[in-house]
Amino acid sequence: MADPARAAKLADRIKVVVAQALERRIKDPRLGFVTITDARVTNDLQHATLYYTVFGDEAQQADTKAALESARGILRAEVGKNITVRLTPTLEFVADEIPVNAGHLEELIRAAKERDAELAALKKGATYAGDPDPYRKDEDDEDFEDDLESEAPVNSDAK
């Protein structure tokens, strides 16, 4: 087992090597505007997962996935030439969900801003439901204490 720091360094190196190979070596017309966003290597350095994004619609994403799968052997050979490990890790390509999640978050933020604007518009014309000052004043406290003293129970158990 390799330490996690070594696995992280190897993952970064694999990410760079694969990105350069996609740019310079792979000439598949199905390969769209692809970006390698992240790479992760297992602690035994036997398996690498590469996350990628594609600029385009669903058809371009499917074509890019097929192109990456067909170029997997070439890319693994390129990784083997450029890293110094005994066994070259297998490569797995996974479509990154960051753009989808970011779009969803942007939609949620936009909806929250709209609700805040509606609430601010309602707040401008709002008035208090009861008195403007619902708290007792000092004069009220004195009257309240006088009322309590006059209602004091009479002690009938006097011996």
Protein backbone atom coordinates (compact mmCIF):
# COMPACT_ATOMS: atom_id res chain seq x y z
CA MET A 1 0.00 0.00 0.00
CA ALA A 2 1.30 3.40 -0.97
CA ASP A 3 0.77 6.33 1.29
CA PRO A 4 -2.07 8.70 0.34
CA ALA A 5 0.35 11.54 -0.47
CA ARG A 6 2.08 9.41 -3.10
CA ALA A 7 -1.28 8.35 -4.55
CA ALA A 8 -2.34 12.02 -4.76
CA LYS A 9 0.90 13.01 -6.53
CA LEU A 10 0.52 10.12 -8.95
CA ALA A 11 -3.10 11.11 -9.63
CA ASP A 12 -2.02 14.67 -10.44
CA ARG A 13 0.69 13.39 -12.77
CA ILE A 14 -1.75 11.03 -14.53
CA LYS A 15 -4.20 13.89 -14.97
CA VAL A 16 -1.55 16.02 -16.70
CA VAL A 17 -0.26 13.17 -18.88
CA VAL A 18 -3.75 12.18 -20.05
CA ALA A 19 -4.74 15.80 -20.74
CA GLN A 20 -1.61 16.34 -22.84
CA ALA A 21 -2.13 13.06 -24.69
CA LEU A 22 -5.74 13.98 -25.47
CA GLU A 23 -4.59 17.33 -26.81
CA ARG A 24 -1.61 16.15 -28.86
CA ARG A 25 -1.86 12.46 -29.61
CA ILE A 26 -5.52 11.41 -29.88
CA LYS A 27 -7.01 12.52 -33.20
CA ASP A 28 -10.45 10.91 -32.91
CA PRO A 29 -13.10 13.15 -34.55
CA ARG A 30 -15.65 12.04 -31.94
CA LEU A 31 -13.55 13.63 -29.21
CA GLY A 32 -15.20 16.95 -28.36
CA PHE A 33 -14.04 19.79 -26.17
CA VAL A 34 -13.06 17.58 -23.25
CA THR A 35 -11.42 18.69 -20.02
CA ILE A 36 -9.94 16.34 -17.44
CA THR A 37 -11.18 17.83 -14.17
CA ASP A 38 -9.87 15.36 -11.60
CA ALA A 39 -7.98 12.11 -11.21
CA ARG A 40 -8.00 9.70 -8.31
CA VAL A 41 -5.78 6.70 -7.77
CA THR A 42 -6.45 3.85 -5.37
CA ASN A 43 -3.98 3.40 -2.52
CA ASP A 44 -2.50 0.31 -4.15
CA LEU A 45 -1.81 2.42 -7.30
CA GLN A 46 -3.54 -0.17 -9.51
CA HIS A 47 -6.58 1.79 -10.66
CA ALA A 48 -7.01 5.42 -11.75
CA THR A 49 -10.36 7.12 -12.18
CA LEU A 50 -10.34 10.19 -14.43
CA TYR A 51 -13.22 12.66 -14.27
CA TYR A 52 -13.94 14.70 -17.38
CA THR A 53 -16.37 17.32 -18.65
CA VAL A 54 -17.46 17.93 -22.22
CA PHE A 55 -18.62 21.20 -23.67
CA GLY A 56 -21.65 20.36 -25.78
CA ASP A 57 -24.97 18.58 -25.89
CA GLU A 58 -25.84 15.00 -24.96
CA ALA A 59 -24.81 13.61 -28.36
CA GLN A 60 -21.36 15.19 -28.12
CA GLN A 61 -20.98 13.85 -24.59
CA ALA A 62 -21.87 10.33 -25.74
CA ASP A 63 -19.44 10.59 -28.68
CA THR A 64 -16.66 11.81 -26.38
CA LYS A 65 -17.31 8.96 -23.95
CA ALA A 66 -17.03 6.44 -26.82
CA ALA A 67 -13.81 8.11 -28.05
CA LEU A 68 -12.26 8.00 -24.57
CA GLU A 69 -13.17 4.34 -24.17
CA SER A 70 -11.63 3.47 -27.53
CA ALA A 71 -8.45 5.45 -26.73
CA ARG A 72 -8.07 3.95 -23.26
CA GLY A 73 -5.23 1.61 -24.28
CA ILE A 74 -3.23 4.37 -26.00
CA LEU A 75 -3.71 6.65 -23.01
CA ARG A 76 -2.66 3.90 -20.58
CA ALA A 77 0.50 3.30 -22.61
CA GLU A 78 1.21 7.03 -22.54
CA VAL A 79 0.72 7.08 -18.77
CA GLY A 80 3.07 4.09 -18.43
CA LYS A 81 5.81 5.92 -20.33
CA ASN A 82 5.54 9.05 -18.18
CA ILE A 83 5.23 7.76 -14.62
CA THR A 84 7.60 5.72 -12.52
CA VAL A 85 5.63 2.89 -10.98
CA ARG A 86 6.11 -0.83 -11.36
CA LEU A 87 2.60 -1.44 -12.73
CA THR A 88 0.71 1.04 -14.89
CA PRO A 89 -2.74 1.66 -13.40
CA THR A 90 -5.87 0.84 -15.35
CA LEU A 91 -7.81 3.90 -16.48
CA GLU A 92 -11.51 4.51 -16.00
CA PHE A 93 -13.25 7.57 -17.42
CA VAL A 94 -16.23 9.01 -15.54
CA ALA A 95 -18.29 11.98 -16.69
CA ASP A 96 -17.99 14.69 -14.04
CA GLU A 97 -21.29 15.98 -12.66
CA ILE A 98 -19.89 19.35 -11.54
CA PRO A 99 -21.46 21.38 -14.40
CA VAL A 100 -24.87 19.79 -13.78
CA ASN A 101 -24.63 20.41 -10.04
CA ALA A 102 -23.42 23.98 -10.61
CA GLY A 103 -26.38 24.66 -12.89
CA HIS A 104 -28.75 23.28 -10.28
CA LEU A 105 -27.17 25.46 -7.56
CA GLU A 106 -27.41 28.54 -9.77
CA GLU A 107 -31.11 27.82 -10.32
CA LEU A 108 -31.66 27.47 -6.55
CA ILE A 109 -29.82 30.75 -5.87
CA ARG A 110 -31.86 32.53 -8.56
CA ALA A 111 -35.12 31.23 -7.04
CA ALA A 112 -34.01 32.33 -3.55
CA LYS A 113 -33.20 35.82 -4.83
CA GLU A 114 -36.65 36.05 -6.43
CA ARG A 115 -38.31 35.02 -3.16
CA ASP A 116 -36.20 37.59 -1.28
CA ALA A 117 -37.27 40.31 -3.73
CA GLU A 118 -40.95 39.35 -3.31
CA LEU A 119 -40.57 39.40 0.47
CA ALA A 120 -38.90 42.82 0.36
CA ALA A 121 -41.78 44.15 -1.77
CA LEU A 122 -44.33 42.81 0.74
CA LYS A 123 -42.33 44.25 3.63
CA LYS A 124 -42.55 47.81 2.25
CA GLY A 125 -46.33 48.00 2.68
CA ALA A 126 -46.56 45.91 5.84
CA THR A 127 -47.95 47.22 9.12
CA TYR A 128 -47.99 45.74 12.60
CA ALA A 129 -50.82 43.32 13.37
CA GLY A 130 -51.48 44.83 16.80
CA ASP A 131 -50.33 47.96 18.59
CA PRO A 132 -47.17 49.54 17.25
CA ASP A 133 -45.64 49.10 20.72
CA PRO A 134 -47.00 45.90 22.28
CA TYR A 135 -44.82 46.15 25.40
CA ARG A 136 -46.05 47.52 28.72
CA LYS A 137 -44.96 50.87 29.91
CA ASP A 138 -43.92 51.83 33.48
CA GLU A 139 -47.32 53.37 34.27
CA ASP A 140 -49.00 50.10 33.35
CA ASP A 141 -46.70 48.17 35.73
CA GLU A 142 -47.70 50.34 38.72
CA ASP A 143 -51.40 49.85 37.99
CA PHE A 144 -50.84 46.10 37.65
CA GLU A 145 -49.08 45.89 41.06
CA ASP A 146 -51.89 47.88 42.72
CA ASP A 147 -54.44 45.45 41.29
CA LEU A 148 -52.49 42.49 42.69
CA GLU A 149 -52.38 44.00 46.20
CA SER A 150 -56.11 44.64 46.26
CA GLU A 151 -56.85 41.04 45.24
CA ALA A 152 -54.63 39.51 47.96
CA PRO A 153 -56.34 36.47 49.57
CA VAL A 154 -57.45 36.76 53.15
CA ASN A 155 -55.85 34.29 55.54
CA SER A 156 -58.74 32.50 57.32
CA ASP A 157 -56.57 29.95 59.13
CA ALA A 158 -55.46 32.40 61.84
CA LYS A 159 -55.26 30.77 65.30
